[in-house]
């Protein structure tokens, strides 16, 4: 039997009580997989010629009491940090896995990004029907783009222009059942396909389209 990349125990990490115990499980079970994803995807993204991308595995170092509810590896064309830049993430909540493009509140160009996306709305609307969008990377919930439509997208983008903490998160959610059914090769192929579909959005976001 071919071994799957993810297991049900990976998603169970977020049910472990206590900061120390959950962090130990993240470090031993999840972060080695993030490191493998980091090697693969940073090379893949760098091959597109938009700059060299570097992986950033979430360390949750500032936490002293509350254990993390999700974790991720992020990718941006910067060695020292990613939060102020548009970036890609692959990560887990207890409820699902995500492969996303994110613009979070630390980004200083949120208004400009929202305006560019507003002018290139078709780039968002033309994404496949399984793509979701959210205005808050701290929450697991997201809406299907094809369900909220142009009006819903305009509301999210308008909020980005005016609300300091507004964010934009776009991508795919993968159920635990689907995730644990895939080998590493199959999962990395899904990552690559998702990034390929998100790249036109990324180019609008960074103003290179």
N, C-alpha and C. Protein backbone atom coordinates (compact mmCIF):
# COMPACT_ATOMS: atom_id res chain seq x y z
N UNK A 1 0.85 -1.20 0.00
CA UNK A 1 0.00 0.00 0.00
C UNK A 1 0.89 1.26 0.00
N UNK A 2 0.58 2.22 -0.87
CA UNK A 2 1.35 3.44 -0.97
C UNK A 2 1.05 4.34 0.22
N UNK A 3 2.09 4.91 0.81
CA UNK A 3 1.93 5.72 2.02
C UNK A 3 1.41 7.11 1.68
N UNK A 4 0.46 7.58 2.48
CA UNK A 4 -0.07 8.93 2.29
C UNK A 4 0.86 9.95 2.94
N UNK A 5 0.82 11.17 2.45
CA UNK A 5 1.67 12.24 2.99
C UNK A 5 1.13 12.73 4.33
N UNK A 6 -0.18 12.97 4.39
CA UNK A 6 -0.84 13.40 5.62
C UNK A 6 -1.54 12.22 6.28
N UNK A 7 -1.74 12.29 7.59
CA UNK A 7 -2.50 11.28 8.30
C UNK A 7 -3.55 11.97 9.16
N UNK A 8 -4.51 11.20 9.65
CA UNK A 8 -5.55 11.78 10.51
C UNK A 8 -4.93 12.35 11.79
N UNK A 9 -3.81 11.78 12.25
CA UNK A 9 -3.15 12.28 13.46
C UNK A 9 -2.63 13.71 13.27
N UNK A 10 -2.30 14.06 12.02
CA UNK A 10 -1.83 15.42 11.76
C UNK A 10 -2.91 16.44 12.08
N UNK A 11 -4.13 16.12 11.70
CA UNK A 11 -5.24 17.04 11.97
C UNK A 11 -5.65 17.01 13.44
N UNK A 12 -5.40 15.87 14.10
CA UNK A 12 -5.73 15.74 15.53
C UNK A 12 -4.81 16.57 16.42
N UNK A 13 -3.69 17.04 15.87
CA UNK A 13 -2.75 17.86 16.65
C UNK A 13 -3.46 19.03 17.31
N UNK A 14 -4.45 19.59 16.60
CA UNK A 14 -5.10 20.81 17.10
C UNK A 14 -6.17 20.51 18.16
N UNK A 15 -6.30 19.23 18.51
CA UNK A 15 -7.17 18.85 19.62
C UNK A 15 -6.38 18.55 20.89
N UNK A 16 -5.07 18.60 20.80
CA UNK A 16 -4.21 18.31 21.96
C UNK A 16 -4.26 19.48 22.93
N UNK A 17 -4.52 19.19 24.19
CA UNK A 17 -4.61 20.23 25.21
C UNK A 17 -3.23 20.72 25.62
N UNK A 18 -3.16 22.02 25.91
CA UNK A 18 -1.93 22.59 26.46
C UNK A 18 -0.96 23.05 25.40
N UNK A 19 -0.37 24.23 25.64
CA UNK A 19 0.55 24.81 24.67
C UNK A 19 1.77 23.91 24.43
N UNK A 20 2.40 23.45 25.49
CA UNK A 20 3.64 22.67 25.34
C UNK A 20 3.39 21.37 24.60
N UNK A 21 2.33 20.67 24.95
CA UNK A 21 2.04 19.38 24.30
C UNK A 21 1.67 19.58 22.83
N UNK A 22 0.89 20.60 22.55
CA UNK A 22 0.51 20.83 21.15
C UNK A 22 1.72 21.29 20.33
N UNK A 23 2.56 22.13 20.91
CA UNK A 23 3.75 22.57 20.19
C UNK A 23 4.70 21.41 19.93
N UNK A 24 4.83 20.51 20.89
CA UNK A 24 5.69 19.34 20.68
C UNK A 24 5.19 18.50 19.52
N UNK A 25 3.86 18.32 19.45
CA UNK A 25 3.28 17.54 18.35
C UNK A 25 3.47 18.26 17.01
N UNK A 26 3.29 19.58 17.01
CA UNK A 26 3.52 20.35 15.78
C UNK A 26 4.97 20.20 15.31
N UNK A 27 5.89 20.29 16.24
CA UNK A 27 7.31 20.23 15.89
C UNK A 27 7.73 18.85 15.39
N UNK A 28 7.14 17.80 15.94
CA UNK A 28 7.57 16.45 15.56
C UNK A 28 6.78 15.88 14.40
N UNK A 29 5.49 16.20 14.33
CA UNK A 29 4.64 15.61 13.28
C UNK A 29 4.49 16.49 12.05
N UNK A 30 4.26 17.78 12.28
CA UNK A 30 3.83 18.67 11.19
C UNK A 30 4.99 19.42 10.56
N UNK A 31 5.87 19.99 11.36
CA UNK A 31 6.91 20.84 10.80
C UNK A 31 7.87 20.12 9.85
N UNK A 32 8.20 18.83 10.07
CA UNK A 32 9.01 18.14 9.04
C UNK A 32 8.30 18.07 7.69
N UNK A 33 6.98 17.97 7.70
CA UNK A 33 6.23 17.96 6.44
C UNK A 33 6.22 19.36 5.82
N UNK A 34 6.09 20.37 6.67
CA UNK A 34 6.19 21.74 6.16
C UNK A 34 7.57 22.00 5.55
N UNK A 35 8.61 21.42 6.14
CA UNK A 35 9.96 21.60 5.59
C UNK A 35 10.06 20.98 4.20
N UNK A 36 9.46 19.80 4.02
CA UNK A 36 9.46 19.15 2.70
C UNK A 36 8.69 19.98 1.69
N UNK A 37 7.52 20.49 2.11
CA UNK A 37 6.74 21.37 1.24
C UNK A 37 7.54 22.63 0.93
N UNK A 38 8.24 23.15 1.94
CA UNK A 38 9.03 24.35 1.76
C UNK A 38 10.11 24.20 0.70
N UNK A 39 10.81 23.08 0.74
CA UNK A 39 11.85 22.83 -0.26
C UNK A 39 11.25 22.76 -1.66
N UNK A 40 10.14 22.02 -1.77
CA UNK A 40 9.52 21.84 -3.08
C UNK A 40 8.96 23.14 -3.63
N UNK A 41 8.14 23.82 -2.83
CA UNK A 41 7.39 24.95 -3.38
C UNK A 41 8.24 26.20 -3.55
N UNK A 42 9.23 26.39 -2.69
CA UNK A 42 10.10 27.56 -2.89
C UNK A 42 10.85 27.44 -4.21
N UNK A 43 11.30 26.24 -4.55
CA UNK A 43 11.96 26.04 -5.84
C UNK A 43 10.98 26.24 -6.99
N UNK A 44 9.75 25.72 -6.82
CA UNK A 44 8.74 25.82 -7.87
C UNK A 44 8.36 27.28 -8.13
N UNK A 45 8.12 28.03 -7.06
CA UNK A 45 7.76 29.44 -7.21
C UNK A 45 8.91 30.26 -7.79
N UNK A 46 10.13 29.96 -7.36
CA UNK A 46 11.29 30.69 -7.87
C UNK A 46 11.49 30.48 -9.36
N UNK A 47 11.01 29.36 -9.87
CA UNK A 47 11.21 29.04 -11.28
C UNK A 47 10.36 29.92 -12.20
N UNK A 48 9.39 30.66 -11.64
CA UNK A 48 8.52 31.48 -12.47
C UNK A 48 9.12 32.84 -12.80
N UNK A 49 10.26 33.16 -12.20
CA UNK A 49 10.95 34.39 -12.55
C UNK A 49 10.39 35.64 -11.91
N UNK A 50 9.58 35.50 -10.84
CA UNK A 50 9.04 36.67 -10.13
C UNK A 50 9.87 36.97 -8.89
N UNK A 51 11.05 36.40 -8.81
CA UNK A 51 11.91 36.57 -7.64
C UNK A 51 12.14 35.24 -6.96
N UNK A 52 13.19 35.17 -6.14
CA UNK A 52 13.47 33.94 -5.40
C UNK A 52 12.56 33.89 -4.17
N UNK A 53 11.84 32.80 -4.02
CA UNK A 53 10.93 32.63 -2.89
C UNK A 53 11.60 31.81 -1.79
N UNK A 54 11.27 32.18 -0.55
CA UNK A 54 11.84 31.50 0.61
C UNK A 54 10.71 30.97 1.50
N UNK A 55 10.88 29.77 2.08
CA UNK A 55 9.85 29.23 2.97
C UNK A 55 10.00 29.78 4.38
N UNK A 56 8.88 29.99 5.05
CA UNK A 56 8.86 30.47 6.43
C UNK A 56 7.88 29.59 7.21
N UNK A 57 8.40 28.69 8.03
CA UNK A 57 7.55 27.80 8.82
C UNK A 57 7.12 28.53 10.09
N UNK A 58 5.83 28.53 10.35
CA UNK A 58 5.31 29.21 11.54
C UNK A 58 5.91 28.58 12.80
N UNK A 59 6.46 29.41 13.66
CA UNK A 59 7.09 28.93 14.90
C UNK A 59 6.19 29.14 16.12
N UNK A 60 5.22 30.06 16.02
CA UNK A 60 4.31 30.36 17.13
C UNK A 60 5.10 30.75 18.38
N UNK A 61 6.21 31.46 18.18
CA UNK A 61 7.15 31.72 19.27
C UNK A 61 6.61 32.68 20.33
N UNK A 62 5.67 33.54 19.95
CA UNK A 62 5.17 34.54 20.90
C UNK A 62 4.10 33.99 21.84
N UNK A 63 3.66 32.79 21.59
CA UNK A 63 2.60 32.22 22.42
C UNK A 63 3.15 31.79 23.77
N UNK A 64 2.42 32.14 24.83
CA UNK A 64 2.82 31.75 26.18
C UNK A 64 1.75 30.95 26.91
N UNK A 65 0.51 31.03 26.42
CA UNK A 65 -0.60 30.33 27.09
C UNK A 65 -1.45 29.55 26.09
N UNK A 66 -2.03 30.25 25.14
CA UNK A 66 -2.99 29.62 24.23
C UNK A 66 -2.28 28.85 23.12
N UNK A 67 -2.60 27.56 22.94
CA UNK A 67 -1.97 26.80 21.86
C UNK A 67 -2.50 27.23 20.50
N UNK A 68 -1.71 27.14 19.44
CA UNK A 68 -2.16 27.56 18.11
C UNK A 68 -3.31 26.69 17.60
N UNK A 69 -4.23 27.33 16.90
CA UNK A 69 -5.37 26.63 16.32
C UNK A 69 -5.12 26.22 14.88
N UNK A 70 -4.06 26.75 14.30
CA UNK A 70 -3.66 26.37 12.95
C UNK A 70 -2.16 26.54 12.82
N UNK A 71 -1.59 26.04 11.74
CA UNK A 71 -0.17 26.22 11.51
C UNK A 71 0.08 26.15 10.01
N UNK A 72 1.26 26.62 9.56
CA UNK A 72 1.46 26.77 8.13
C UNK A 72 2.93 26.95 7.79
N UNK A 73 3.22 26.83 6.51
CA UNK A 73 4.49 27.29 5.93
C UNK A 73 4.12 28.32 4.88
N UNK A 74 4.77 29.49 4.96
CA UNK A 74 4.47 30.59 4.04
C UNK A 74 5.63 30.80 3.08
N UNK A 75 5.32 31.40 1.93
CA UNK A 75 6.31 31.61 0.87
C UNK A 75 6.23 33.04 0.36
N UNK A 76 7.38 33.72 0.37
CA UNK A 76 7.45 35.09 -0.13
C UNK A 76 8.86 35.33 -0.67
N UNK A 77 9.02 36.33 -1.54
CA UNK A 77 10.34 36.64 -2.08
C UNK A 77 11.16 37.50 -1.13
N UNK A 78 11.29 37.03 0.10
CA UNK A 78 12.08 37.73 1.12
C UNK A 78 12.58 36.70 2.13
N UNK A 79 13.84 36.85 2.55
CA UNK A 79 14.43 35.89 3.49
C UNK A 79 13.97 36.12 4.92
N UNK A 80 13.78 37.37 5.29
CA UNK A 80 13.60 37.70 6.71
C UNK A 80 12.16 37.71 7.19
N UNK A 81 11.22 37.81 6.29
CA UNK A 81 9.84 37.87 6.72
C UNK A 81 8.89 37.84 5.54
N UNK A 82 7.63 37.63 5.82
CA UNK A 82 6.65 37.50 4.73
C UNK A 82 5.36 38.25 5.00
N UNK A 83 5.09 38.64 6.23
CA UNK A 83 3.75 39.13 6.59
C UNK A 83 3.41 40.46 5.92
N UNK A 84 4.40 41.28 5.62
CA UNK A 84 4.14 42.56 4.97
C UNK A 84 4.01 42.43 3.45
N UNK A 85 4.25 41.23 2.94
CA UNK A 85 4.19 40.98 1.50
C UNK A 85 3.02 40.07 1.15
N UNK A 86 2.48 40.18 -0.07
CA UNK A 86 1.58 39.14 -0.54
C UNK A 86 2.34 37.81 -0.53
N UNK A 87 1.74 36.75 -0.01
CA UNK A 87 2.47 35.50 0.12
C UNK A 87 1.53 34.31 -0.04
N UNK A 88 2.14 33.18 -0.33
CA UNK A 88 1.41 31.93 -0.41
C UNK A 88 1.58 31.17 0.91
N UNK A 89 0.59 30.35 1.24
CA UNK A 89 0.68 29.51 2.43
C UNK A 89 0.11 28.12 2.13
N UNK A 90 0.73 27.12 2.74
CA UNK A 90 0.15 25.78 2.81
C UNK A 90 0.08 25.45 4.29
N UNK A 91 -1.10 25.09 4.78
CA UNK A 91 -1.21 24.86 6.22
C UNK A 91 -2.43 24.05 6.60
N UNK A 92 -2.62 23.93 7.91
CA UNK A 92 -3.68 23.10 8.46
C UNK A 92 -4.45 23.82 9.55
N UNK A 93 -5.76 23.64 9.54
CA UNK A 93 -6.61 23.79 10.71
C UNK A 93 -7.00 22.35 11.10
N UNK A 94 -7.65 22.20 12.23
CA UNK A 94 -8.13 20.88 12.58
C UNK A 94 -9.20 20.38 11.63
N UNK A 95 -9.87 21.31 10.95
CA UNK A 95 -11.00 20.97 10.08
C UNK A 95 -10.63 20.78 8.62
N UNK A 96 -9.50 21.32 8.20
CA UNK A 96 -9.13 21.23 6.79
C UNK A 96 -7.69 21.67 6.56
N UNK A 97 -7.21 21.38 5.38
CA UNK A 97 -5.91 21.86 4.90
C UNK A 97 -6.17 23.02 3.95
N UNK A 98 -5.23 23.96 3.86
CA UNK A 98 -5.43 25.09 2.95
C UNK A 98 -4.19 25.36 2.11
N UNK A 99 -4.45 25.80 0.88
CA UNK A 99 -3.40 26.26 -0.04
C UNK A 99 -3.88 27.62 -0.52
N UNK A 100 -3.21 28.68 -0.11
CA UNK A 100 -3.79 30.02 -0.29
C UNK A 100 -2.76 31.06 -0.73
N UNK A 101 -3.30 32.14 -1.27
CA UNK A 101 -2.59 33.40 -1.46
C UNK A 101 -3.17 34.38 -0.44
N UNK A 102 -2.30 35.03 0.32
CA UNK A 102 -2.78 35.87 1.41
C UNK A 102 -2.19 37.28 1.36
N UNK A 103 -3.06 38.25 1.64
CA UNK A 103 -2.64 39.63 1.88
C UNK A 103 -3.19 39.96 3.26
N UNK A 104 -2.31 40.04 4.27
CA UNK A 104 -2.79 40.21 5.63
C UNK A 104 -2.54 41.64 6.12
N UNK A 105 -3.00 41.93 7.35
CA UNK A 105 -3.12 43.33 7.77
C UNK A 105 -1.79 44.07 7.85
N UNK A 106 -0.66 43.34 7.95
CA UNK A 106 0.63 44.02 8.00
C UNK A 106 1.04 44.62 6.65
N UNK A 107 0.36 44.24 5.57
CA UNK A 107 0.74 44.71 4.24
C UNK A 107 0.43 46.22 4.10
N UNK A 108 1.42 47.03 3.74
CA UNK A 108 1.20 48.48 3.66
C UNK A 108 0.48 48.93 2.39
N UNK A 109 0.30 48.01 1.43
CA UNK A 109 -0.28 48.39 0.13
C UNK A 109 -1.66 47.78 -0.08
N UNK A 110 -2.39 47.55 1.01
CA UNK A 110 -3.69 46.88 0.87
C UNK A 110 -4.66 47.66 -0.01
N UNK A 111 -4.68 48.97 0.13
CA UNK A 111 -5.59 49.80 -0.67
C UNK A 111 -5.25 49.65 -2.16
N UNK A 112 -3.98 49.75 -2.50
CA UNK A 112 -3.56 49.60 -3.89
C UNK A 112 -3.86 48.22 -4.44
N UNK A 113 -3.66 47.20 -3.61
CA UNK A 113 -3.96 45.81 -4.03
C UNK A 113 -5.44 45.67 -4.31
N UNK A 114 -6.27 46.20 -3.40
CA UNK A 114 -7.72 46.11 -3.59
C UNK A 114 -8.15 46.83 -4.87
N UNK A 115 -7.56 47.98 -5.14
CA UNK A 115 -7.91 48.73 -6.35
C UNK A 115 -7.52 47.96 -7.61
N UNK A 116 -6.35 47.33 -7.59
CA UNK A 116 -5.91 46.55 -8.76
C UNK A 116 -6.82 45.34 -8.98
N UNK A 117 -7.21 44.69 -7.89
CA UNK A 117 -8.10 43.53 -8.03
C UNK A 117 -9.48 43.97 -8.51
N UNK A 118 -9.92 45.14 -8.03
CA UNK A 118 -11.21 45.69 -8.48
C UNK A 118 -11.22 45.88 -10.00
N UNK A 119 -10.10 46.38 -10.53
CA UNK A 119 -10.01 46.63 -11.97
C UNK A 119 -9.83 45.34 -12.77
N UNK A 120 -9.41 44.28 -12.10
CA UNK A 120 -9.18 42.99 -12.76
C UNK A 120 -10.04 41.90 -12.12
N UNK A 121 -11.30 42.24 -11.89
CA UNK A 121 -12.21 41.34 -11.18
C UNK A 121 -12.32 39.98 -11.85
N UNK A 122 -12.19 39.95 -13.18
CA UNK A 122 -12.33 38.69 -13.91
C UNK A 122 -11.28 37.67 -13.48
N UNK A 123 -10.13 38.15 -13.00
CA UNK A 123 -9.08 37.24 -12.53
C UNK A 123 -9.57 36.42 -11.35
N UNK A 124 -10.37 37.03 -10.48
CA UNK A 124 -10.95 36.32 -9.34
C UNK A 124 -12.14 35.46 -9.76
N UNK A 125 -13.03 36.05 -10.57
CA UNK A 125 -14.26 35.36 -10.95
C UNK A 125 -13.97 34.13 -11.81
N UNK A 126 -12.87 34.15 -12.54
CA UNK A 126 -12.55 33.05 -13.44
C UNK A 126 -11.84 31.88 -12.75
N UNK A 127 -11.56 32.00 -11.45
CA UNK A 127 -10.97 30.88 -10.72
C UNK A 127 -11.96 29.70 -10.68
N UNK A 128 -11.48 28.47 -10.64
CA UNK A 128 -12.37 27.31 -10.59
C UNK A 128 -13.34 27.37 -9.41
N UNK A 129 -14.45 26.64 -9.53
CA UNK A 129 -15.56 26.78 -8.59
C UNK A 129 -15.23 26.37 -7.16
N UNK A 130 -14.17 25.57 -6.97
CA UNK A 130 -13.83 25.14 -5.61
C UNK A 130 -13.03 26.17 -4.83
N UNK A 131 -12.71 27.31 -5.45
CA UNK A 131 -11.90 28.33 -4.77
C UNK A 131 -12.74 29.12 -3.77
N UNK A 132 -12.08 29.42 -2.64
CA UNK A 132 -12.76 30.15 -1.56
C UNK A 132 -12.02 31.45 -1.29
N UNK A 133 -12.72 32.35 -0.59
CA UNK A 133 -12.14 33.66 -0.26
C UNK A 133 -12.61 34.07 1.12
N UNK A 134 -11.74 34.82 1.81
CA UNK A 134 -12.05 35.25 3.17
C UNK A 134 -11.41 36.60 3.41
N UNK A 135 -11.94 37.33 4.39
CA UNK A 135 -11.37 38.61 4.77
C UNK A 135 -10.62 38.56 6.09
N UNK A 136 -10.33 37.33 6.58
CA UNK A 136 -9.68 37.20 7.89
C UNK A 136 -8.91 35.88 7.95
N UNK A 137 -7.58 35.96 7.95
CA UNK A 137 -6.78 34.73 7.95
C UNK A 137 -6.78 34.03 9.30
N UNK A 138 -7.33 34.69 10.34
CA UNK A 138 -7.36 34.09 11.68
C UNK A 138 -8.56 33.18 11.89
N UNK A 139 -9.45 33.14 10.91
CA UNK A 139 -10.65 32.30 11.03
C UNK A 139 -10.64 31.22 9.96
N UNK A 140 -11.09 30.01 10.30
CA UNK A 140 -11.07 28.92 9.32
C UNK A 140 -12.13 29.04 8.24
N UNK A 141 -13.20 29.78 8.50
CA UNK A 141 -14.30 29.86 7.56
C UNK A 141 -13.95 30.69 6.33
N UNK A 142 -14.52 30.32 5.20
CA UNK A 142 -14.35 31.07 3.96
C UNK A 142 -15.56 30.84 3.09
N UNK A 143 -15.75 31.70 2.08
CA UNK A 143 -16.89 31.60 1.17
C UNK A 143 -16.42 31.19 -0.22
N UNK A 144 -17.24 30.40 -0.91
CA UNK A 144 -16.93 30.06 -2.30
C UNK A 144 -17.10 31.31 -3.16
N UNK A 145 -16.10 31.57 -3.99
CA UNK A 145 -16.13 32.77 -4.84
C UNK A 145 -17.34 32.74 -5.76
N UNK A 146 -17.64 31.56 -6.32
CA UNK A 146 -18.75 31.49 -7.27
C UNK A 146 -20.10 31.68 -6.58
N UNK A 147 -20.15 31.55 -5.25
CA UNK A 147 -21.40 31.76 -4.52
C UNK A 147 -21.60 33.22 -4.12
N UNK A 148 -20.52 33.91 -3.72
CA UNK A 148 -20.70 35.32 -3.32
C UNK A 148 -20.70 36.23 -4.54
N UNK A 149 -20.09 35.79 -5.64
CA UNK A 149 -20.15 36.54 -6.90
C UNK A 149 -19.47 37.89 -6.85
N UNK A 150 -19.72 38.68 -7.88
CA UNK A 150 -19.07 39.98 -8.03
C UNK A 150 -19.41 40.92 -6.89
N UNK A 151 -20.66 40.91 -6.44
CA UNK A 151 -21.05 41.81 -5.35
C UNK A 151 -20.31 41.49 -4.06
N UNK A 152 -20.20 40.20 -3.74
CA UNK A 152 -19.48 39.79 -2.54
C UNK A 152 -18.01 40.14 -2.60
N UNK A 153 -17.43 39.98 -3.78
CA UNK A 153 -16.03 40.33 -3.95
C UNK A 153 -15.82 41.83 -3.78
N UNK A 154 -16.73 42.63 -4.33
CA UNK A 154 -16.61 44.08 -4.20
C UNK A 154 -16.68 44.52 -2.74
N UNK A 155 -17.53 43.86 -1.95
CA UNK A 155 -17.64 44.18 -0.53
C UNK A 155 -16.32 43.90 0.18
N UNK A 156 -15.73 42.74 -0.09
CA UNK A 156 -14.45 42.38 0.52
C UNK A 156 -13.35 43.36 0.12
N UNK A 157 -13.31 43.73 -1.16
CA UNK A 157 -12.27 44.64 -1.64
C UNK A 157 -12.47 46.05 -1.09
N UNK A 158 -13.72 46.50 -1.01
CA UNK A 158 -13.99 47.82 -0.42
C UNK A 158 -13.54 47.86 1.04
N UNK A 159 -13.77 46.77 1.75
CA UNK A 159 -13.35 46.69 3.15
C UNK A 159 -11.83 46.77 3.26
N UNK A 160 -11.13 46.14 2.32
CA UNK A 160 -9.67 46.21 2.32
C UNK A 160 -9.15 47.63 2.18
N UNK A 161 -9.90 48.43 1.44
CA UNK A 161 -9.46 49.81 1.20
C UNK A 161 -9.64 50.71 2.42
N UNK A 162 -10.57 50.35 3.30
CA UNK A 162 -10.95 51.28 4.37
C UNK A 162 -10.73 50.77 5.79
N UNK A 163 -10.65 49.46 5.97
CA UNK A 163 -10.54 48.90 7.32
C UNK A 163 -9.11 48.43 7.56
N UNK A 164 -8.48 48.94 8.61
CA UNK A 164 -7.07 48.68 8.86
C UNK A 164 -6.74 47.20 8.97
N UNK A 165 -7.61 46.44 9.64
CA UNK A 165 -7.32 45.02 9.89
C UNK A 165 -7.91 44.10 8.83
N UNK A 166 -8.52 44.66 7.80
CA UNK A 166 -9.10 43.83 6.74
C UNK A 166 -8.01 43.10 5.98
N UNK A 167 -8.33 41.90 5.52
CA UNK A 167 -7.36 41.06 4.83
C UNK A 167 -8.02 40.41 3.61
N UNK A 168 -7.21 39.69 2.85
CA UNK A 168 -7.74 38.95 1.70
C UNK A 168 -6.99 37.62 1.61
N UNK A 169 -7.74 36.54 1.66
CA UNK A 169 -7.20 35.20 1.60
C UNK A 169 -7.95 34.43 0.52
N UNK A 170 -7.24 33.90 -0.47
CA UNK A 170 -7.86 33.24 -1.62
C UNK A 170 -7.17 31.90 -1.85
N UNK A 171 -7.96 30.86 -2.08
CA UNK A 171 -7.32 29.58 -2.40
C UNK A 171 -8.25 28.40 -2.29
N UNK A 172 -7.68 27.26 -1.94
CA UNK A 172 -8.42 26.00 -1.85
C UNK A 172 -8.39 25.48 -0.42
N UNK A 173 -9.52 24.90 0.00
CA UNK A 173 -9.58 24.13 1.22
C UNK A 173 -9.70 22.66 0.84
N UNK A 174 -8.99 21.82 1.56
CA UNK A 174 -8.98 20.39 1.29
C UNK A 174 -9.40 19.66 2.56
N UNK A 175 -10.39 18.80 2.47
CA UNK A 175 -10.88 18.08 3.64
C UNK A 175 -9.81 17.12 4.15
N UNK A 176 -9.85 16.78 5.45
CA UNK A 176 -8.90 15.78 5.96
C UNK A 176 -8.99 14.46 5.20
N UNK A 177 -10.22 14.07 4.85
CA UNK A 177 -10.40 12.80 4.14
C UNK A 177 -9.68 12.82 2.79
N UNK A 178 -9.80 13.93 2.06
CA UNK A 178 -9.11 14.02 0.78
C UNK A 178 -7.60 14.10 0.98
N UNK A 179 -7.18 14.87 1.98
CA UNK A 179 -5.74 15.05 2.21
C UNK A 179 -5.05 13.73 2.54
N UNK A 180 -5.66 12.93 3.40
CA UNK A 180 -5.00 11.69 3.83
C UNK A 180 -5.10 10.59 2.78
N UNK A 181 -5.82 10.86 1.70
CA UNK A 181 -5.91 9.88 0.62
C UNK A 181 -4.79 10.05 -0.41
N UNK A 182 -3.98 11.12 -0.27
CA UNK A 182 -2.99 11.44 -1.30
C UNK A 182 -1.57 11.07 -0.87
N UNK A 183 -0.82 10.55 -1.80
CA UNK A 183 0.61 10.36 -1.58
C UNK A 183 1.31 11.71 -1.63
N UNK A 184 2.59 11.73 -1.27
CA UNK A 184 3.35 12.98 -1.36
C UNK A 184 3.35 13.50 -2.80
N UNK A 185 3.55 12.63 -3.75
CA UNK A 185 3.57 13.04 -5.15
C UNK A 185 2.25 13.66 -5.56
N UNK A 186 1.14 13.04 -5.16
CA UNK A 186 -0.19 13.56 -5.50
C UNK A 186 -0.45 14.89 -4.81
N UNK A 187 -0.03 15.00 -3.55
CA UNK A 187 -0.27 16.24 -2.83
C UNK A 187 0.56 17.38 -3.40
N UNK A 188 1.83 17.13 -3.71
CA UNK A 188 2.66 18.17 -4.30
C UNK A 188 2.12 18.59 -5.67
N UNK A 189 1.56 17.65 -6.39
CA UNK A 189 0.94 18.00 -7.68
C UNK A 189 -0.25 18.93 -7.46
N UNK A 190 -1.06 18.66 -6.43
CA UNK A 190 -2.19 19.54 -6.10
C UNK A 190 -1.70 20.93 -5.74
N UNK A 191 -0.63 21.01 -4.96
CA UNK A 191 -0.05 22.32 -4.61
C UNK A 191 0.35 23.07 -5.88
N UNK A 192 1.07 22.39 -6.76
CA UNK A 192 1.54 23.04 -7.99
C UNK A 192 0.38 23.52 -8.85
N UNK A 193 -0.66 22.70 -8.99
CA UNK A 193 -1.83 23.08 -9.78
C UNK A 193 -2.51 24.31 -9.18
N UNK A 194 -2.62 24.33 -7.85
CA UNK A 194 -3.27 25.46 -7.18
C UNK A 194 -2.45 26.73 -7.35
N UNK A 195 -1.14 26.64 -7.19
CA UNK A 195 -0.28 27.81 -7.38
C UNK A 195 -0.39 28.33 -8.81
N UNK A 196 -0.41 27.42 -9.77
CA UNK A 196 -0.55 27.83 -11.18
C UNK A 196 -1.83 28.62 -11.39
N UNK A 197 -2.91 28.19 -10.74
CA UNK A 197 -4.20 28.87 -10.90
C UNK A 197 -4.24 30.19 -10.14
N UNK A 198 -3.44 30.30 -9.07
CA UNK A 198 -3.41 31.53 -8.29
C UNK A 198 -2.41 32.56 -8.83
N UNK A 199 -1.48 32.14 -9.66
CA UNK A 199 -0.45 33.07 -10.14
C UNK A 199 -1.01 34.29 -10.87
N UNK A 200 -2.04 34.15 -11.73
CA UNK A 200 -2.60 35.36 -12.35
C UNK A 200 -3.11 36.37 -11.31
N UNK A 201 -3.70 35.87 -10.22
CA UNK A 201 -4.15 36.75 -9.15
C UNK A 201 -2.94 37.40 -8.47
N UNK A 202 -1.92 36.62 -8.21
CA UNK A 202 -0.70 37.14 -7.59
C UNK A 202 -0.09 38.25 -8.43
N UNK A 203 -0.07 38.07 -9.74
CA UNK A 203 0.51 39.10 -10.62
C UNK A 203 -0.30 40.40 -10.55
N UNK A 204 -1.62 40.29 -10.45
CA UNK A 204 -2.43 41.50 -10.27
C UNK A 204 -2.11 42.14 -8.91
N UNK A 205 -2.03 41.31 -7.88
CA UNK A 205 -1.78 41.79 -6.52
C UNK A 205 -0.46 42.56 -6.44
N UNK A 206 0.59 42.04 -7.07
CA UNK A 206 1.89 42.73 -6.98
C UNK A 206 2.09 43.77 -8.09
N UNK A 207 1.08 43.90 -8.97
CA UNK A 207 1.14 44.94 -10.00
C UNK A 207 2.04 44.61 -11.17
N UNK A 208 2.23 43.32 -11.44
CA UNK A 208 3.11 42.93 -12.56
C UNK A 208 2.35 42.36 -13.74
N UNK A 209 1.02 42.44 -13.71
CA UNK A 209 0.23 41.85 -14.80
C UNK A 209 0.22 42.78 -16.01
